Every structure is written in structure tokens, then in C-alpha cells.
Amino acid sequence: MDSTSLTALGDEVLAVARESVAGRASRTIHGGHDRMLRETVIALVAEHELAEHESPGEATLQVLRGRVRLRDSGGEREAGAADHLVIPPRRHSLFAVEDSVVLLTVVKPLS
């Protein structure tokens, strides 16, 4: 059985993001593009974002550290550590209010 410390991994991914010109970094911890379920730890440095994009399937976002703002055509929701958001099934973006680490969980639709 695999075990991952989200705290330690969050520290690692955030360190990479802080060195990145894009201000972000990620690491998939379960699944991948060839699997139905995918879990990815994403770090965003304050004032950086994942630009507007389509939802890849049914998805949730758990904030592990920091504060983020999820935006879509219906408005925006701000969330902090320990908050859980359901990602809308439409175009959206994610903005880091402060240095942040989130866990993105995606289930791809059946083909």
C-alpha cells in the first residue's frame, strides 16, 4: 500500500514553484491521463494562476495550504487551508491569493 505525506510533498512542490518563472509546479500522486481517477498536488506562488481552462471531468479541489480563488462564469469562491471545493463543469481558473498548495482530484468521464 502506497502512502504519501501531503505536507512533505506540498513543501517540495511549493519549493519548485517558487523557482519557476510560471510560479507553479505539480506532481501527480495517483493515476494519470490513462486512468479514470487522477490526483495531483499543485503549488501556486502568490499572485500566480492557472489560466482559464476547461474542466477535465468531475473534479474537486482541497486546499492544503494558503488561500486560492476559483473563478468561473458564475463568479468566484475563495478558499483557505482545509477547505474543499467542487470544481464547476465549465471553464474556470485558479488564482493564488498567497503561496498555496492544493490537491486536485479528477474523475474523467466514461468514453
C-alpha atoms as a PDB file:
ATOM      1  CA  MET A   1       0.000   0.000   0.000  1.00  0.00           C
ATOM      2  CA  ASP A   2       1.414   3.378  -1.022  1.00  0.00           C
ATOM      3  CA  SER A   3       1.448   6.281   1.409  1.00  0.00           C
ATOM      4  CA  THR A   4       2.246   9.936   0.671  1.00  0.00           C
ATOM      5  CA  SER A   5       2.786  12.760   3.131  1.00  0.00           C
ATOM      6  CA  LEU A   6       0.829  15.631   1.570  1.00  0.00           C
ATOM      7  CA  THR A   7       2.603  18.053   3.909  1.00  0.00           C
ATOM      8  CA  ALA A   8       6.087  16.966   2.802  1.00  0.00           C
ATOM      9  CA  LEU A   9       5.095  16.752  -0.858  1.00  0.00           C
ATOM     10  CA  GLY A  10       3.447  20.176  -0.628  1.00  0.00           C
ATOM     11  CA  ASP A  11       6.719  21.609   0.719  1.00  0.00           C
ATOM     12  CA  GLU A  12       8.655  20.059  -2.184  1.00  0.00           C
ATOM     13  CA  VAL A  13       6.261  21.176  -4.917  1.00  0.00           C
ATOM     14  CA  LEU A  14       5.996  24.706  -3.471  1.00  0.00           C
ATOM     15  CA  ALA A  15       9.810  24.987  -3.440  1.00  0.00           C
ATOM     16  CA  VAL A  16       9.852  24.080  -7.154  1.00  0.00           C
ATOM     17  CA  ALA A  17       7.063  26.584  -7.876  1.00  0.00           C
ATOM     18  CA  ARG A  18       8.997  29.370  -6.142  1.00  0.00           C
ATOM     19  CA  GLU A  19      11.927  28.733  -8.507  1.00  0.00           C
ATOM     20  CA  SER A  20       9.704  28.562 -11.595  1.00  0.00           C
ATOM     21  CA  VAL A  21       9.125  31.564 -13.857  1.00  0.00           C
ATOM     22  CA  ALA A  22       5.489  30.461 -14.146  1.00  0.00           C
ATOM     23  CA  GLY A  23       5.135  30.407 -10.354  1.00  0.00           C
ATOM     24  CA  ARG A  24       3.629  26.949 -10.308  1.00  0.00           C
ATOM     25  CA  ALA A  25       4.534  23.274 -10.129  1.00  0.00           C
ATOM     26  CA  SER A  26       2.673  19.991  -9.765  1.00  0.00           C
ATOM     27  CA  ARG A  27       3.098  16.310  -9.144  1.00  0.00           C
ATOM     28  CA  THR A  28       0.570  13.571  -9.840  1.00  0.00           C
ATOM     29  CA  ILE A  29       0.382  11.215  -6.870  1.00  0.00           C
ATOM     30  CA  HIS A  30      -2.195   8.757  -8.195  1.00  0.00           C
ATOM     31  CA  GLY A  31      -3.402   7.791 -11.640  1.00  0.00           C
ATOM     32  CA  GLY A  32      -2.620   9.794 -14.736  1.00  0.00           C
ATOM     33  CA  HIS A  33      -4.010  10.684 -18.121  1.00  0.00           C
ATOM     34  CA  ASP A  34      -4.502   6.998 -18.908  1.00  0.00           C
ATOM     35  CA  ARG A  35      -6.601   6.328 -15.770  1.00  0.00           C
ATOM     36  CA  MET A  36     -10.105   7.418 -14.784  1.00  0.00           C
ATOM     37  CA  LEU A  37      -9.010   8.797 -11.389  1.00  0.00           C
ATOM     38  CA  ARG A  38      -6.157  11.284 -11.101  1.00  0.00           C
ATOM     39  CA  GLU A  39      -4.905  13.111  -8.000  1.00  0.00           C
ATOM     40  CA  THR A  40      -2.408  15.922  -8.393  1.00  0.00           C
ATOM     41  CA  VAL A  41      -0.725  18.186  -5.858  1.00  0.00           C
ATOM     42  CA  ILE A  42      -0.418  21.687  -7.339  1.00  0.00           C
ATOM     43  CA  ALA A  43       1.569  24.586  -5.870  1.00  0.00           C
ATOM     44  CA  LEU A  44       0.969  28.191  -6.904  1.00  0.00           C
ATOM     45  CA  VAL A  45       3.044  31.139  -5.718  1.00  0.00           C
ATOM     46  CA  ALA A  46       1.055  34.185  -4.568  1.00  0.00           C
ATOM     47  CA  GLU A  47      -0.367  36.313  -7.404  1.00  0.00           C
ATOM     48  CA  HIS A  48       0.032  33.485  -9.964  1.00  0.00           C
ATOM     49  CA  GLU A  49      -2.746  31.476 -11.546  1.00  0.00           C
ATOM     50  CA  LEU A  50      -3.780  28.561 -13.654  1.00  0.00           C
ATOM     51  CA  ALA A  51      -5.379  30.452 -16.535  1.00  0.00           C
ATOM     52  CA  GLU A  52      -8.929  29.733 -17.597  1.00  0.00           C
ATOM     53  CA  HIS A  53      -9.322  26.176 -18.878  1.00  0.00           C
ATOM     54  CA  GLU A  54     -11.982  23.520 -19.408  1.00  0.00           C
ATOM     55  CA  SER A  55     -12.869  21.121 -16.647  1.00  0.00           C
ATOM     56  CA  PRO A  56     -11.236  17.759 -17.446  1.00  0.00           C
ATOM     57  CA  GLY A  57     -14.107  15.846 -15.843  1.00  0.00           C
ATOM     58  CA  GLU A  58     -15.771  15.679 -12.458  1.00  0.00           C
ATOM     59  CA  ALA A  59     -13.302  17.323 -10.081  1.00  0.00           C
ATOM     60  CA  THR A  60     -12.735  18.627  -6.575  1.00  0.00           C
ATOM     61  CA  LEU A  61     -10.080  20.826  -5.025  1.00  0.00           C
ATOM     62  CA  GLN A  62      -8.842  20.554  -1.444  1.00  0.00           C
ATOM     63  CA  VAL A  63      -6.715  23.452  -0.192  1.00  0.00           C
ATOM     64  CA  LEU A  64      -3.790  22.062   1.780  1.00  0.00           C
ATOM     65  CA  ARG A  65      -2.023  25.367   2.417  1.00  0.00           C
ATOM     66  CA  GLY A  66      -2.555  29.032   1.621  1.00  0.00           C
ATOM     67  CA  ARG A  67      -5.526  30.785   0.051  1.00  0.00           C
ATOM     68  CA  VAL A  68      -6.886  30.457  -3.515  1.00  0.00           C
ATOM     69  CA  ARG A  69      -9.692  31.927  -5.600  1.00  0.00           C
ATOM     70  CA  LEU A  70     -11.616  29.687  -8.011  1.00  0.00           C
ATOM     71  CA  ARG A  71     -13.267  31.756 -10.769  1.00  0.00           C
ATOM     72  CA  ASP A  72     -15.824  30.818 -13.402  1.00  0.00           C
ATOM     73  CA  SER A  73     -18.668  32.448 -15.319  1.00  0.00           C
ATOM     74  CA  GLY A  74     -20.851  32.156 -12.218  1.00  0.00           C
ATOM     75  CA  GLY A  75     -18.487  34.188 -10.038  1.00  0.00           C
ATOM     76  CA  GLU A  76     -15.677  33.320  -7.692  1.00  0.00           C
ATOM     77  CA  ARG A  77     -15.130  31.473  -4.451  1.00  0.00           C
ATOM     78  CA  GLU A  78     -12.202  31.981  -2.112  1.00  0.00           C
ATOM     79  CA  ALA A  79     -10.944  29.081  -0.020  1.00  0.00           C
ATOM     80  CA  GLY A  80      -8.224  28.520   2.571  1.00  0.00           C
ATOM     81  CA  ALA A  81      -6.447  25.611   4.205  1.00  0.00           C
ATOM     82  CA  ALA A  82      -8.726  22.623   4.882  1.00  0.00           C
ATOM     83  CA  ASP A  83     -11.458  23.952   2.554  1.00  0.00           C
ATOM     84  CA  HIS A  84     -12.917  21.696  -0.136  1.00  0.00           C
ATOM     85  CA  LEU A  85     -14.404  22.978  -3.405  1.00  0.00           C
ATOM     86  CA  VAL A  86     -16.308  21.233  -6.159  1.00  0.00           C
ATOM     87  CA  ILE A  87     -14.915  22.451  -9.480  1.00  0.00           C
ATOM     88  CA  PRO A  88     -17.641  23.588 -11.866  1.00  0.00           C
ATOM     89  CA  PRO A  89     -18.125  21.585 -15.080  1.00  0.00           C
ATOM     90  CA  ARG A  90     -17.254  24.653 -17.193  1.00  0.00           C
ATOM     91  CA  ARG A  91     -14.304  26.919 -17.933  1.00  0.00           C
ATOM     92  CA  HIS A  92     -12.603  28.161 -14.783  1.00  0.00           C
ATOM     93  CA  SER A  93      -9.315  29.496 -13.427  1.00  0.00           C
ATOM     94  CA  LEU A  94      -7.460  29.232 -10.121  1.00  0.00           C
ATOM     95  CA  PHE A  95      -5.653  32.228  -8.599  1.00  0.00           C
ATOM     96  CA  ALA A  96      -3.287  32.091  -5.602  1.00  0.00           C
ATOM     97  CA  VAL A  97      -4.078  34.851  -3.118  1.00  0.00           C
ATOM     98  CA  GLU A  98      -0.997  33.697  -1.186  1.00  0.00           C
ATOM     99  CA  ASP A  99       1.524  30.876  -1.662  1.00  0.00           C
ATOM    100  CA  SER A 100      -0.738  27.828  -1.888  1.00  0.00           C
ATOM    101  CA  VAL A 101      -0.803  24.060  -2.255  1.00  0.00           C
ATOM    102  CA  VAL A 102      -3.940  22.228  -3.380  1.00  0.00           C
ATOM    103  CA  LEU A 103      -4.945  18.650  -4.073  1.00  0.00           C
ATOM    104  CA  LEU A 104      -6.852  18.311  -7.352  1.00  0.00           C
ATOM    105  CA  THR A 105      -8.910  15.142  -7.749  1.00  0.00           C
ATOM    106  CA  VAL A 106     -10.348  14.404 -11.196  1.00  0.00           C
ATOM    107  CA  VAL A 107     -12.525  11.577 -12.450  1.00  0.00           C
ATOM    108  CA  LYS A 108     -12.622  11.520 -16.232  1.00  0.00           C
ATOM    109  CA  PRO A 109     -15.993  10.886 -17.845  1.00  0.00           C
ATOM    110  CA  LEU A 110     -16.616   7.433 -19.303  1.00  0.00           C
ATOM    111  CA  SER A 111     -15.995   7.324 -23.048  1.00  0.00           C
END
